[in-house]
Amino acid sequence: MYDQKVFSNQLQAAVFDYGGVMAKSPFGRVEMLAAEYKAEKEIIMQLFFGDSSSFESPWFDAECGIQPLNEVFAQRMQLIFDEHDLLFNLDFFKSWVIDAINEPDPVMEELVINLKASGIKVALLTNSVPEFWPVIEKTINTEVFDCIIDSSKVGLRKPDLKIYELVAKELGLDTTSCLMIDDLAHNVIGAESAGMKSVLFSTSEETSKNILRYFNC
């Protein structure tokens, strides 16, 4: 069994994703969208949680802060939905974003507090839209983080290498001193390409153990 700490003297910061890490997985809410739009779950996943290098999406532009959730957004989404014979409902979608109820992950919350108490810097790095930020603030204690990078405020989104470089810079560190924790494989790969170590979220308990292997705490 592998239970030794690794690279414990190199890493000085842990960077946490929001949805699927600090808050429990949003994929159940994806099923809500799929049901409303009568779409396959995989299509909705790709449209809203995919890698932006694979195709252009107005949602990805929204996460970069350059596309409000307005009629133009709806028209652009409908063009994509047309390819799948689907109808996009803007009112339902905006409510899905703004009125979302997320559940915090208490294991991750406790881990963040303990890491910070041990002298490890902690950051929140999330792909989000401005309309969703109040939900994040209601769900977790954002004040505990030394640094918060919201994609919609910086004009970049994971897995763009520049956003990992930015969070490291804001922490006053090199990317090689940071550990990224995310629940999406392409975001983890992006972090590694930027020089970070990474942990792909599995269960709260297993992920916590995997994170602590990197730190002397």
N, C-alpha and C. Protein backbone atom coordinates (compact mmCIF):
# COMPACT_ATOMS: atom_id res chain seq x y z
N MET A 1 0.85 -1.19 0.00
CA MET A 1 0.00 0.00 0.00
C MET A 1 0.88 1.24 0.00
N TYR A 2 0.50 2.24 -0.82
CA TYR A 2 1.29 3.46 -0.92
C TYR A 2 0.73 4.48 0.05
N ASP A 3 1.47 4.77 1.12
CA ASP A 3 0.96 5.70 2.11
C ASP A 3 2.00 6.72 2.54
N GLN A 4 3.07 6.84 1.80
CA GLN A 4 4.11 7.80 2.15
C GLN A 4 3.77 9.18 1.61
N LYS A 5 4.26 10.21 2.32
CA LYS A 5 4.10 11.57 1.82
C LYS A 5 5.06 11.76 0.65
N VAL A 6 4.64 12.53 -0.34
CA VAL A 6 5.47 12.73 -1.52
C VAL A 6 5.66 14.21 -1.77
N PHE A 7 6.88 14.58 -2.18
CA PHE A 7 7.20 15.95 -2.52
C PHE A 7 6.84 16.93 -1.40
N SER A 8 6.89 16.48 -0.15
CA SER A 8 6.40 17.28 0.96
C SER A 8 7.18 18.57 1.15
N ASN A 9 8.45 18.61 0.73
CA ASN A 9 9.26 19.81 0.92
C ASN A 9 9.15 20.78 -0.24
N GLN A 10 8.47 20.38 -1.30
CA GLN A 10 8.39 21.23 -2.48
C GLN A 10 7.11 22.07 -2.52
N LEU A 11 6.04 21.52 -2.06
CA LEU A 11 4.75 22.18 -2.23
C LEU A 11 4.42 23.11 -1.06
N GLN A 12 3.93 24.29 -1.42
CA GLN A 12 3.62 25.30 -0.41
C GLN A 12 2.18 25.78 -0.47
N ALA A 13 1.41 25.28 -1.45
CA ALA A 13 0.03 25.74 -1.59
C ALA A 13 -0.85 24.64 -2.16
N ALA A 14 -2.11 24.68 -1.75
CA ALA A 14 -3.13 23.79 -2.30
C ALA A 14 -4.21 24.66 -2.95
N VAL A 15 -4.53 24.34 -4.19
CA VAL A 15 -5.49 25.12 -4.97
C VAL A 15 -6.73 24.25 -5.20
N PHE A 16 -7.87 24.71 -4.71
CA PHE A 16 -9.09 23.91 -4.73
C PHE A 16 -10.09 24.43 -5.76
N ASP A 17 -10.69 23.51 -6.50
CA ASP A 17 -11.83 23.80 -7.35
C ASP A 17 -13.05 23.99 -6.44
N TYR A 18 -14.10 24.63 -7.00
CA TYR A 18 -15.34 24.78 -6.22
C TYR A 18 -16.28 23.60 -6.45
N GLY A 19 -16.97 23.59 -7.58
CA GLY A 19 -17.96 22.54 -7.83
C GLY A 19 -17.35 21.17 -8.00
N GLY A 20 -17.76 20.23 -7.16
CA GLY A 20 -17.20 18.89 -7.22
C GLY A 20 -16.04 18.68 -6.28
N VAL A 21 -15.59 19.76 -5.62
CA VAL A 21 -14.50 19.65 -4.64
C VAL A 21 -14.94 20.34 -3.34
N MET A 22 -14.95 21.67 -3.33
CA MET A 22 -15.39 22.38 -2.13
C MET A 22 -16.90 22.23 -1.92
N ALA A 23 -17.63 22.15 -3.00
CA ALA A 23 -19.06 21.83 -2.93
C ALA A 23 -19.26 20.49 -3.61
N LYS A 24 -20.24 19.77 -3.16
CA LYS A 24 -20.46 18.44 -3.71
C LYS A 24 -20.82 18.52 -5.18
N SER A 25 -20.56 17.45 -5.89
CA SER A 25 -20.62 17.42 -7.35
C SER A 25 -21.89 18.03 -7.91
N PRO A 26 -21.72 18.90 -8.92
CA PRO A 26 -22.89 19.52 -9.57
C PRO A 26 -23.51 18.63 -10.64
N PHE A 27 -22.99 17.44 -10.83
CA PHE A 27 -23.44 16.62 -11.96
C PHE A 27 -24.89 16.17 -11.81
N GLY A 28 -25.39 16.11 -10.57
CA GLY A 28 -26.80 15.82 -10.38
C GLY A 28 -27.67 16.92 -10.97
N ARG A 29 -27.20 18.14 -10.88
CA ARG A 29 -27.94 19.26 -11.46
C ARG A 29 -27.85 19.25 -12.98
N VAL A 30 -26.82 18.62 -13.51
CA VAL A 30 -26.73 18.44 -14.96
C VAL A 30 -27.90 17.59 -15.45
N GLU A 31 -28.25 16.60 -14.67
CA GLU A 31 -29.38 15.75 -15.02
C GLU A 31 -30.67 16.56 -15.07
N MET A 32 -30.77 17.59 -14.21
CA MET A 32 -31.94 18.48 -14.23
C MET A 32 -32.02 19.21 -15.57
N LEU A 33 -30.85 19.71 -16.04
CA LEU A 33 -30.82 20.38 -17.34
C LEU A 33 -31.16 19.42 -18.47
N ALA A 34 -30.57 18.25 -18.41
CA ALA A 34 -30.81 17.26 -19.46
C ALA A 34 -32.29 16.90 -19.54
N ALA A 35 -32.95 16.79 -18.39
CA ALA A 35 -34.36 16.46 -18.37
C ALA A 35 -35.19 17.60 -18.95
N GLU A 36 -34.86 18.83 -18.57
CA GLU A 36 -35.60 19.99 -19.07
C GLU A 36 -35.48 20.13 -20.58
N TYR A 37 -34.27 19.90 -21.08
CA TYR A 37 -34.02 20.10 -22.51
C TYR A 37 -34.20 18.81 -23.32
N LYS A 38 -34.60 17.75 -22.61
CA LYS A 38 -34.79 16.45 -23.27
C LYS A 38 -33.55 16.06 -24.08
N ALA A 39 -32.40 16.22 -23.42
CA ALA A 39 -31.11 15.96 -24.05
C ALA A 39 -30.38 14.85 -23.33
N GLU A 40 -29.44 14.24 -24.01
CA GLU A 40 -28.57 13.26 -23.37
C GLU A 40 -27.64 13.98 -22.40
N LYS A 41 -27.41 13.34 -21.26
CA LYS A 41 -26.57 13.95 -20.23
C LYS A 41 -25.19 14.27 -20.77
N GLU A 42 -24.65 13.42 -21.65
CA GLU A 42 -23.30 13.60 -22.18
C GLU A 42 -23.21 14.89 -23.00
N ILE A 43 -24.28 15.24 -23.71
CA ILE A 43 -24.30 16.47 -24.49
C ILE A 43 -24.23 17.68 -23.57
N ILE A 44 -25.04 17.68 -22.51
CA ILE A 44 -25.04 18.78 -21.55
C ILE A 44 -23.69 18.89 -20.86
N MET A 45 -23.10 17.75 -20.50
CA MET A 45 -21.77 17.75 -19.87
C MET A 45 -20.74 18.42 -20.77
N GLN A 46 -20.74 18.09 -22.04
CA GLN A 46 -19.76 18.66 -22.96
C GLN A 46 -19.98 20.15 -23.16
N LEU A 47 -21.24 20.55 -23.22
CA LEU A 47 -21.56 21.96 -23.45
C LEU A 47 -21.15 22.85 -22.28
N PHE A 48 -21.27 22.34 -21.06
CA PHE A 48 -21.07 23.19 -19.90
C PHE A 48 -19.87 22.82 -19.03
N PHE A 49 -19.32 21.64 -19.21
CA PHE A 49 -18.17 21.25 -18.40
C PHE A 49 -17.01 20.75 -19.24
N GLY A 50 -17.07 20.93 -20.54
CA GLY A 50 -16.05 20.41 -21.42
C GLY A 50 -14.79 21.25 -21.48
N ASP A 51 -13.87 20.79 -22.28
CA ASP A 51 -12.60 21.48 -22.51
C ASP A 51 -12.83 22.51 -23.61
N SER A 52 -12.56 23.79 -23.32
CA SER A 52 -12.85 24.87 -24.27
C SER A 52 -12.03 24.76 -25.55
N SER A 53 -11.00 23.92 -25.56
CA SER A 53 -10.20 23.77 -26.77
C SER A 53 -10.89 22.88 -27.80
N SER A 54 -11.95 22.16 -27.38
CA SER A 54 -12.59 21.22 -28.28
C SER A 54 -13.63 21.87 -29.17
N PHE A 55 -14.28 22.94 -28.71
CA PHE A 55 -15.25 23.66 -29.53
C PHE A 55 -15.60 24.98 -28.84
N GLU A 56 -16.24 25.87 -29.58
CA GLU A 56 -16.63 27.16 -29.02
C GLU A 56 -18.01 27.05 -28.38
N SER A 57 -18.14 27.63 -27.20
CA SER A 57 -19.41 27.59 -26.48
C SER A 57 -19.65 28.95 -25.84
N PRO A 58 -20.86 29.50 -25.96
CA PRO A 58 -21.17 30.76 -25.28
C PRO A 58 -21.08 30.64 -23.76
N TRP A 59 -21.27 29.42 -23.24
CA TRP A 59 -21.11 29.23 -21.80
C TRP A 59 -19.66 29.44 -21.39
N PHE A 60 -18.72 28.97 -22.21
CA PHE A 60 -17.32 29.19 -21.89
C PHE A 60 -16.99 30.68 -21.94
N ASP A 61 -17.60 31.40 -22.89
CA ASP A 61 -17.42 32.86 -22.94
C ASP A 61 -18.01 33.52 -21.69
N ALA A 62 -19.15 33.00 -21.24
CA ALA A 62 -19.76 33.52 -20.01
C ALA A 62 -18.82 33.30 -18.82
N GLU A 63 -18.17 32.14 -18.79
CA GLU A 63 -17.23 31.86 -17.69
C GLU A 63 -15.98 32.73 -17.77
N CYS A 64 -15.74 33.31 -18.93
CA CYS A 64 -14.61 34.24 -19.08
C CYS A 64 -15.07 35.69 -18.92
N GLY A 65 -16.34 35.89 -18.57
CA GLY A 65 -16.84 37.22 -18.29
C GLY A 65 -17.12 38.07 -19.51
N ILE A 66 -17.20 37.46 -20.69
CA ILE A 66 -17.39 38.25 -21.91
C ILE A 66 -18.75 37.99 -22.56
N GLN A 67 -19.59 37.17 -21.92
CA GLN A 67 -20.91 36.88 -22.47
C GLN A 67 -21.94 36.83 -21.34
N PRO A 68 -22.73 37.90 -21.17
CA PRO A 68 -23.80 37.85 -20.16
C PRO A 68 -24.84 36.79 -20.50
N LEU A 69 -25.59 36.37 -19.50
CA LEU A 69 -26.66 35.41 -19.72
C LEU A 69 -27.91 36.16 -20.18
N ASN A 70 -27.87 36.60 -21.43
CA ASN A 70 -28.94 37.42 -21.98
C ASN A 70 -29.48 36.80 -23.27
N GLU A 71 -30.23 37.58 -24.03
CA GLU A 71 -30.82 37.06 -25.26
C GLU A 71 -29.77 36.66 -26.29
N VAL A 72 -28.67 37.38 -26.33
CA VAL A 72 -27.59 37.01 -27.24
C VAL A 72 -27.04 35.64 -26.85
N PHE A 73 -26.87 35.43 -25.57
CA PHE A 73 -26.43 34.12 -25.07
C PHE A 73 -27.42 33.04 -25.51
N ALA A 74 -28.72 33.33 -25.36
CA ALA A 74 -29.75 32.36 -25.72
C ALA A 74 -29.70 32.04 -27.21
N GLN A 75 -29.50 33.08 -28.03
CA GLN A 75 -29.43 32.86 -29.48
C GLN A 75 -28.23 32.01 -29.84
N ARG A 76 -27.09 32.26 -29.19
CA ARG A 76 -25.89 31.48 -29.47
C ARG A 76 -26.05 30.03 -29.00
N MET A 77 -26.68 29.86 -27.84
CA MET A 77 -26.92 28.51 -27.35
C MET A 77 -27.88 27.77 -28.28
N GLN A 78 -28.88 28.47 -28.79
CA GLN A 78 -29.84 27.81 -29.65
C GLN A 78 -29.20 27.30 -30.93
N LEU A 79 -28.21 28.04 -31.44
CA LEU A 79 -27.49 27.57 -32.63
C LEU A 79 -26.83 26.22 -32.37
N ILE A 80 -26.29 26.07 -31.18
CA ILE A 80 -25.66 24.78 -30.81
C ILE A 80 -26.74 23.73 -30.57
N PHE A 81 -27.80 24.12 -29.88
CA PHE A 81 -28.89 23.18 -29.61
C PHE A 81 -29.55 22.70 -30.90
N ASP A 82 -29.58 23.57 -31.91
CA ASP A 82 -30.16 23.18 -33.20
C ASP A 82 -29.46 21.95 -33.78
N GLU A 83 -28.17 21.83 -33.52
CA GLU A 83 -27.40 20.71 -34.05
C GLU A 83 -27.87 19.39 -33.44
N HIS A 84 -28.57 19.49 -32.29
CA HIS A 84 -29.04 18.28 -31.60
C HIS A 84 -30.57 18.23 -31.56
N ASP A 85 -31.22 19.11 -32.34
CA ASP A 85 -32.69 19.17 -32.38
C ASP A 85 -33.28 19.42 -31.00
N LEU A 86 -32.68 20.39 -30.28
CA LEU A 86 -33.13 20.74 -28.94
C LEU A 86 -33.56 22.20 -28.90
N LEU A 87 -34.34 22.55 -27.88
CA LEU A 87 -34.80 23.93 -27.70
C LEU A 87 -34.22 24.48 -26.41
N PHE A 88 -33.52 25.62 -26.52
CA PHE A 88 -32.90 26.23 -25.35
C PHE A 88 -33.89 27.18 -24.68
N ASN A 89 -34.02 27.05 -23.35
CA ASN A 89 -34.92 27.90 -22.56
C ASN A 89 -34.06 28.77 -21.65
N LEU A 90 -33.96 30.06 -21.99
CA LEU A 90 -33.09 30.97 -21.23
C LEU A 90 -33.59 31.16 -19.80
N ASP A 91 -34.88 31.35 -19.61
CA ASP A 91 -35.40 31.60 -18.26
C ASP A 91 -35.10 30.43 -17.33
N PHE A 92 -35.32 29.22 -17.83
CA PHE A 92 -35.02 28.05 -17.00
C PHE A 92 -33.53 28.00 -16.69
N PHE A 93 -32.71 28.26 -17.69
CA PHE A 93 -31.26 28.16 -17.49
C PHE A 93 -30.77 29.19 -16.48
N LYS A 94 -31.25 30.44 -16.58
CA LYS A 94 -30.82 31.47 -15.64
C LYS A 94 -31.23 31.11 -14.22
N SER A 95 -32.41 30.57 -14.05
CA SER A 95 -32.84 30.12 -12.74
C SER A 95 -31.97 28.98 -12.24
N TRP A 96 -31.59 28.09 -13.14
CA TRP A 96 -30.72 26.95 -12.81
C TRP A 96 -29.39 27.46 -12.26
N VAL A 97 -28.92 28.57 -12.79
CA VAL A 97 -27.65 29.15 -12.34
C VAL A 97 -27.83 29.96 -11.06
N ILE A 98 -28.75 30.92 -11.08
CA ILE A 98 -28.87 31.90 -10.01
C ILE A 98 -29.49 31.33 -8.74
N ASP A 99 -30.45 30.43 -8.91
CA ASP A 99 -31.18 29.89 -7.76
C ASP A 99 -30.64 28.54 -7.29
N ALA A 100 -29.45 28.19 -7.75
CA ALA A 100 -28.87 26.90 -7.39
C ALA A 100 -28.67 26.77 -5.89
N ILE A 101 -28.91 25.59 -5.39
CA ILE A 101 -28.62 25.26 -3.99
C ILE A 101 -27.53 24.20 -3.99
N ASN A 102 -26.36 24.57 -3.52
CA ASN A 102 -25.22 23.65 -3.47
C ASN A 102 -24.99 23.17 -2.04
N GLU A 103 -24.38 22.03 -1.92
CA GLU A 103 -24.07 21.46 -0.61
C GLU A 103 -22.56 21.46 -0.41
N PRO A 104 -22.07 22.12 0.64
CA PRO A 104 -20.62 22.13 0.88
C PRO A 104 -20.12 20.74 1.25
N ASP A 105 -18.86 20.50 0.97
CA ASP A 105 -18.23 19.24 1.37
C ASP A 105 -17.49 19.48 2.68
N PRO A 106 -18.02 18.99 3.80
CA PRO A 106 -17.41 19.27 5.10
C PRO A 106 -15.99 18.72 5.25
N VAL A 107 -15.69 17.63 4.57
CA VAL A 107 -14.34 17.07 4.65
C VAL A 107 -13.35 18.03 4.00
N MET A 108 -13.71 18.58 2.85
CA MET A 108 -12.83 19.52 2.18
C MET A 108 -12.73 20.83 2.95
N GLU A 109 -13.84 21.28 3.53
CA GLU A 109 -13.81 22.51 4.32
C GLU A 109 -12.85 22.38 5.51
N GLU A 110 -12.93 21.27 6.19
CA GLU A 110 -12.04 21.04 7.33
C GLU A 110 -10.59 20.94 6.87
N LEU A 111 -10.36 20.30 5.74
CA LEU A 111 -9.01 20.15 5.21
C LEU A 111 -8.40 21.51 4.89
N VAL A 112 -9.16 22.38 4.26
CA VAL A 112 -8.66 23.72 3.93
C VAL A 112 -8.24 24.46 5.19
N ILE A 113 -9.08 24.40 6.21
CA ILE A 113 -8.77 25.08 7.48
C ILE A 113 -7.50 24.51 8.11
N ASN A 114 -7.37 23.19 8.10
CA ASN A 114 -6.21 22.54 8.72
C ASN A 114 -4.93 22.84 7.94
N LEU A 115 -5.02 22.84 6.61
CA LEU A 115 -3.85 23.17 5.80
C LEU A 115 -3.37 24.58 6.09
N LYS A 116 -4.32 25.50 6.12
CA LYS A 116 -3.96 26.90 6.37
C LYS A 116 -3.34 27.07 7.76
N ALA A 117 -3.90 26.37 8.74
CA ALA A 117 -3.36 26.43 10.11
C ALA A 117 -1.95 25.88 10.17
N SER A 118 -1.61 25.00 9.23
CA SER A 118 -0.28 24.39 9.19
C SER A 118 0.72 25.22 8.38
N GLY A 119 0.27 26.37 7.90
CA GLY A 119 1.17 27.24 7.15
C GLY A 119 1.14 27.03 5.65
N ILE A 120 0.24 26.20 5.17
CA ILE A 120 0.09 25.97 3.73
C ILE A 120 -0.87 27.02 3.17
N LYS A 121 -0.49 27.66 2.08
CA LYS A 121 -1.39 28.61 1.44
C LYS A 121 -2.51 27.85 0.73
N VAL A 122 -3.71 28.42 0.77
CA VAL A 122 -4.86 27.78 0.13
C VAL A 122 -5.54 28.77 -0.81
N ALA A 123 -5.95 28.27 -1.96
CA ALA A 123 -6.59 29.11 -2.97
C ALA A 123 -7.82 28.42 -3.51
N LEU A 124 -8.75 29.24 -4.00
CA LEU A 124 -9.93 28.75 -4.70
C LEU A 124 -9.80 29.16 -6.16
N LEU A 125 -9.88 28.19 -7.05
CA LEU A 125 -9.78 28.45 -8.50
C LEU A 125 -10.99 27.82 -9.16
N THR A 126 -11.89 28.65 -9.67
CA THR A 126 -13.15 28.13 -10.19
C THR A 126 -13.52 28.71 -11.54
N ASN A 127 -14.05 27.87 -12.41
CA ASN A 127 -14.71 28.35 -13.61
C ASN A 127 -16.14 28.70 -13.22
N SER A 128 -16.51 29.97 -13.37
CA SER A 128 -17.82 30.40 -12.92
C SER A 128 -18.30 31.56 -13.77
N VAL A 129 -19.52 31.99 -13.51
CA VAL A 129 -20.09 33.17 -14.16
C VAL A 129 -20.50 34.15 -13.06
N PRO A 130 -20.56 35.46 -13.37
CA PRO A 130 -20.89 36.44 -12.33
C PRO A 130 -22.19 36.15 -11.61
N GLU A 131 -23.18 35.66 -12.36
CA GLU A 131 -24.49 35.39 -11.77
C GLU A 131 -24.46 34.28 -10.72
N PHE A 132 -23.40 33.46 -10.74
CA PHE A 132 -23.32 32.32 -9.83
C PHE A 132 -22.55 32.63 -8.55
N TRP A 133 -21.79 33.72 -8.54
CA TRP A 133 -20.93 33.99 -7.39
C TRP A 133 -21.69 34.05 -6.06
N PRO A 134 -22.88 34.66 -6.00
CA PRO A 134 -23.61 34.66 -4.71
C PRO A 134 -23.89 33.25 -4.19
N VAL A 135 -24.09 32.30 -5.09
CA VAL A 135 -24.31 30.91 -4.67
C VAL A 135 -23.07 30.37 -3.99
N ILE A 136 -21.91 30.66 -4.56
CA ILE A 136 -20.64 30.20 -3.97
C ILE A 136 -20.47 30.78 -2.57
N GLU A 137 -20.74 32.08 -2.44
CA GLU A 137 -20.57 32.74 -1.14
C GLU A 137 -21.55 32.20 -0.09
N LYS A 138 -22.73 31.77 -0.53
CA LYS A 138 -23.70 31.20 0.41
C LYS A 138 -23.32 29.78 0.83
N THR A 139 -22.54 29.11 -0.02
CA THR A 139 -22.27 27.69 0.20
C THR A 139 -21.03 27.44 1.03
N ILE A 140 -19.96 28.18 0.77
CA ILE A 140 -18.70 27.95 1.49
C ILE A 140 -18.18 29.27 2.07
N ASN A 141 -17.28 29.15 3.01
CA ASN A 141 -16.62 30.32 3.59
C ASN A 141 -15.46 30.73 2.68
N THR A 142 -15.67 31.71 1.84
CA THR A 142 -14.62 32.12 0.90
C THR A 142 -13.50 32.90 1.59
N GLU A 143 -13.77 33.41 2.79
CA GLU A 143 -12.78 34.25 3.47
C GLU A 143 -11.57 33.45 3.95
N VAL A 144 -11.71 32.14 4.03
CA VAL A 144 -10.59 31.32 4.51
C VAL A 144 -9.46 31.24 3.49
N PHE A 145 -9.74 31.51 2.23
CA PHE A 145 -8.74 31.35 1.18
C PHE A 145 -7.80 32.54 1.10
N ASP A 146 -6.53 32.25 0.88
CA ASP A 146 -5.53 33.30 0.70
C ASP A 146 -5.69 33.99 -0.64
N CYS A 147 -6.28 33.29 -1.59
CA CYS A 147 -6.42 33.81 -2.94
C CYS A 147 -7.63 33.16 -3.59
N ILE A 148 -8.41 33.97 -4.33
CA ILE A 148 -9.55 33.45 -5.07
C ILE A 148 -9.42 33.92 -6.52
N ILE A 149 -9.45 32.96 -7.44
CA ILE A 149 -9.45 33.27 -8.87
C ILE A 149 -10.75 32.75 -9.46
N ASP A 150 -11.59 33.68 -9.88
CA ASP A 150 -12.87 33.38 -10.53
C ASP A 150 -12.68 33.65 -12.01
N SER A 151 -12.91 32.64 -12.83
CA SER A 151 -12.65 32.76 -14.27
C SER A 151 -13.33 33.98 -14.88
N SER A 152 -14.55 34.29 -14.44
CA SER A 152 -15.30 35.37 -15.05
C SER A 152 -14.72 36.74 -14.72
N LYS A 153 -13.87 36.81 -13.69
CA LYS A 153 -13.26 38.08 -13.31
C LYS A 153 -11.89 38.28 -13.94
N VAL A 154 -11.27 37.20 -14.42
CA VAL A 154 -9.92 37.31 -14.97
C VAL A 154 -9.87 37.05 -16.46
N GLY A 155 -11.01 36.64 -17.05
CA GLY A 155 -11.05 36.42 -18.50
C GLY A 155 -10.34 35.17 -18.97
N LEU A 156 -10.15 34.22 -18.07
CA LEU A 156 -9.50 32.95 -18.39
C LEU A 156 -10.28 31.84 -17.69
N ARG A 157 -10.23 30.64 -18.25
CA ARG A 157 -10.88 29.52 -17.60
C ARG A 157 -10.00 28.28 -17.69
N LYS A 158 -10.15 27.42 -16.69
CA LYS A 158 -9.47 26.13 -16.77
C LYS A 158 -9.98 25.38 -17.99
N PRO A 159 -9.13 24.70 -18.74
CA PRO A 159 -7.73 24.34 -18.43
C PRO A 159 -6.67 25.22 -19.11
N ASP A 160 -6.96 26.49 -19.38
CA ASP A 160 -5.96 27.40 -19.94
C ASP A 160 -4.76 27.49 -18.98
N LEU A 161 -3.56 27.26 -19.49
CA LEU A 161 -2.38 27.27 -18.64
C LEU A 161 -2.22 28.59 -17.89
N LYS A 162 -2.65 29.68 -18.52
CA LYS A 162 -2.43 31.00 -17.92
C LYS A 162 -3.19 31.18 -16.61
N ILE A 163 -4.31 30.49 -16.44
CA ILE A 163 -5.07 30.68 -15.20
C ILE A 163 -4.37 29.99 -14.02
N TYR A 164 -3.67 28.89 -14.29
CA TYR A 164 -2.90 28.24 -13.24
C TYR A 164 -1.68 29.09 -12.88
N GLU A 165 -1.07 29.68 -13.89
CA GLU A 165 0.06 30.58 -13.65
C GLU A 165 -0.38 31.79 -12.85
N LEU A 166 -1.60 32.27 -13.13
CA LEU A 166 -2.12 33.44 -12.43
C LEU A 166 -2.35 33.16 -10.95
N VAL A 167 -2.97 32.02 -10.65
CA VAL A 167 -3.23 31.73 -9.24
C VAL A 167 -1.93 31.54 -8.48
N ALA A 168 -0.93 30.94 -9.10
CA ALA A 168 0.37 30.79 -8.45
C ALA A 168 1.00 32.16 -8.19
N LYS A 169 0.90 33.02 -9.18
CA LYS A 169 1.46 34.38 -9.04
C LYS A 169 0.79 35.13 -7.90
N GLU A 170 -0.54 35.02 -7.82
CA GLU A 170 -1.28 35.69 -6.75
C GLU A 170 -0.90 35.15 -5.37
N LEU A 171 -0.48 33.91 -5.32
CA LEU A 171 -0.02 33.30 -4.06
C LEU A 171 1.43 33.63 -3.76
N GLY A 172 2.11 34.25 -4.73
CA GLY A 172 3.52 34.57 -4.57
C GLY A 172 4.42 33.37 -4.74
N LEU A 173 3.96 32.41 -5.55
CA LEU A 173 4.70 31.16 -5.71
C LEU A 173 4.86 30.81 -7.18
N ASP A 174 5.72 29.85 -7.45
CA ASP A 174 5.81 29.26 -8.77
C ASP A 174 4.77 28.14 -8.86
N THR A 175 4.35 27.82 -10.07
CA THR A 175 3.38 26.74 -10.22
C THR A 175 3.89 25.42 -9.67
N THR A 176 5.20 25.21 -9.71
CA THR A 176 5.77 23.96 -9.22
C THR A 176 5.64 23.80 -7.71
N SER A 177 5.23 24.88 -7.03
CA SER A 177 5.04 24.82 -5.58
C SER A 177 3.58 24.60 -5.21
N CYS A 178 2.73 24.38 -6.21
CA CYS A 178 1.29 24.30 -5.96
C CYS A 178 0.72 22.93 -6.32
N LEU A 179 -0.31 22.54 -5.57
CA LEU A 179 -1.07 21.32 -5.82
C LEU A 179 -2.49 21.72 -6.22
N MET A 180 -2.96 21.24 -7.37
CA MET A 180 -4.31 21.53 -7.85
C MET A 180 -5.22 20.35 -7.56
N ILE A 181 -6.40 20.65 -6.99
CA ILE A 181 -7.40 19.61 -6.72
C ILE A 181 -8.64 19.93 -7.53
N ASP A 182 -9.01 19.04 -8.44
CA ASP A 182 -10.15 19.28 -9.32
C ASP A 182 -10.85 17.95 -9.60
N ASP A 183 -12.13 18.04 -9.99
CA ASP A 183 -12.88 16.81 -10.27
C ASP A 183 -12.99 16.51 -11.76
N LEU A 184 -12.41 17.36 -12.61
CA LEU A 184 -12.44 17.13 -14.05
C LEU A 184 -11.04 16.82 -14.56
N ALA A 185 -10.92 15.73 -15.30
CA ALA A 185 -9.60 15.26 -15.74
C ALA A 185 -8.88 16.30 -16.59
N HIS A 186 -9.60 16.99 -17.51
CA HIS A 186 -8.89 17.94 -18.36
C HIS A 186 -8.37 19.14 -17.58
N ASN A 187 -9.03 19.48 -16.46
CA ASN A 187 -8.51 20.57 -15.63
C ASN A 187 -7.26 20.14 -14.86
N VAL A 188 -7.24 18.89 -14.44
CA VAL A 188 -6.05 18.34 -13.78
C VAL A 188 -4.88 18.27 -14.75
N ILE A 189 -5.16 17.83 -15.96
CA ILE A 189 -4.10 17.77 -16.99
C ILE A 189 -3.57 19.17 -17.28
N GLY A 190 -4.46 20.15 -17.34
CA GLY A 190 -4.03 21.52 -17.56
C GLY A 190 -3.11 22.01 -16.45
N ALA A 191 -3.46 21.69 -15.21
CA ALA A 191 -2.62 22.09 -14.08
C ALA A 191 -1.24 21.46 -14.17
N GLU A 192 -1.21 20.18 -14.52
CA GLU A 192 0.07 19.49 -14.64
C GLU A 192 0.90 20.09 -15.77
N SER A 193 0.24 20.47 -16.87
CA SER A 193 0.96 21.08 -17.99
C SER A 193 1.56 22.42 -17.60
N ALA A 194 0.92 23.08 -16.62
CA ALA A 194 1.43 24.37 -16.14
C ALA A 194 2.53 24.20 -15.10
N GLY A 195 2.80 22.96 -14.69
CA GLY A 195 3.87 22.70 -13.74
C GLY A 195 3.42 22.32 -12.35
N MET A 196 2.11 22.30 -12.13
CA MET A 196 1.60 21.94 -10.80
C MET A 196 1.56 20.43 -10.61
N LYS A 197 1.54 20.01 -9.36
CA LYS A 197 1.13 18.66 -9.03
C LYS A 197 -0.39 18.66 -8.97
N SER A 198 -1.00 17.49 -8.98
CA SER A 198 -2.46 17.48 -9.01
C SER A 198 -3.04 16.26 -8.32
N VAL A 199 -4.29 16.43 -7.89
CA VAL A 199 -5.09 15.33 -7.35
C VAL A 199 -6.45 15.41 -8.03
N LEU A 200 -6.85 14.33 -8.66
CA LEU A 200 -8.17 14.24 -9.26
C LEU A 200 -9.15 13.76 -8.19
N PHE A 201 -10.17 14.57 -7.92
CA PHE A 201 -11.12 14.26 -6.86
C PHE A 201 -11.82 12.93 -7.14
N SER A 202 -11.91 12.11 -6.09
CA SER A 202 -12.65 10.85 -6.17
C SER A 202 -13.74 10.91 -5.10
N THR A 203 -13.46 10.38 -3.91
CA THR A 203 -14.33 10.59 -2.76
C THR A 203 -13.66 11.61 -1.85
N SER A 204 -14.44 12.20 -0.96
CA SER A 204 -13.89 13.21 -0.06
C SER A 204 -12.76 12.64 0.79
N GLU A 205 -12.99 11.47 1.34
CA GLU A 205 -12.01 10.88 2.25
C GLU A 205 -10.74 10.47 1.51
N GLU A 206 -10.88 9.82 0.36
CA GLU A 206 -9.72 9.39 -0.41
C GLU A 206 -8.95 10.60 -0.94
N THR A 207 -9.66 11.60 -1.39
CA THR A 207 -9.01 12.80 -1.91
C THR A 207 -8.24 13.52 -0.80
N SER A 208 -8.83 13.60 0.38
CA SER A 208 -8.15 14.22 1.52
C SER A 208 -6.84 13.51 1.83
N LYS A 209 -6.87 12.18 1.83
CA LYS A 209 -5.64 11.41 2.07
C LYS A 209 -4.60 11.68 1.00
N ASN A 210 -5.05 11.74 -0.26
CA ASN A 210 -4.11 11.97 -1.36
C ASN A 210 -3.48 13.36 -1.29
N ILE A 211 -4.26 14.34 -0.84
CA ILE A 211 -3.74 15.70 -0.70
C ILE A 211 -2.70 15.75 0.41
N LEU A 212 -3.01 15.13 1.55
CA LEU A 212 -2.12 15.21 2.70
C LEU A 212 -0.79 14.51 2.46
N ARG A 213 -0.73 13.62 1.48
CA ARG A 213 0.53 12.96 1.15
C ARG A 213 1.56 13.96 0.65
N TYR A 214 1.11 15.11 0.20
CA TYR A 214 2.02 16.11 -0.35
C TYR A 214 2.51 17.11 0.69
N PHE A 215 1.96 17.06 1.91
CA PHE A 215 2.30 18.09 2.88
C PHE A 215 2.68 17.47 4.24
N ASN A 216 3.53 18.15 4.95
CA ASN A 216 3.94 17.70 6.29
C ASN A 216 2.96 18.26 7.33
N CYS A 217 1.75 17.77 7.31
CA CYS A 217 0.78 18.24 8.31
C CYS A 217 -0.27 17.16 8.53
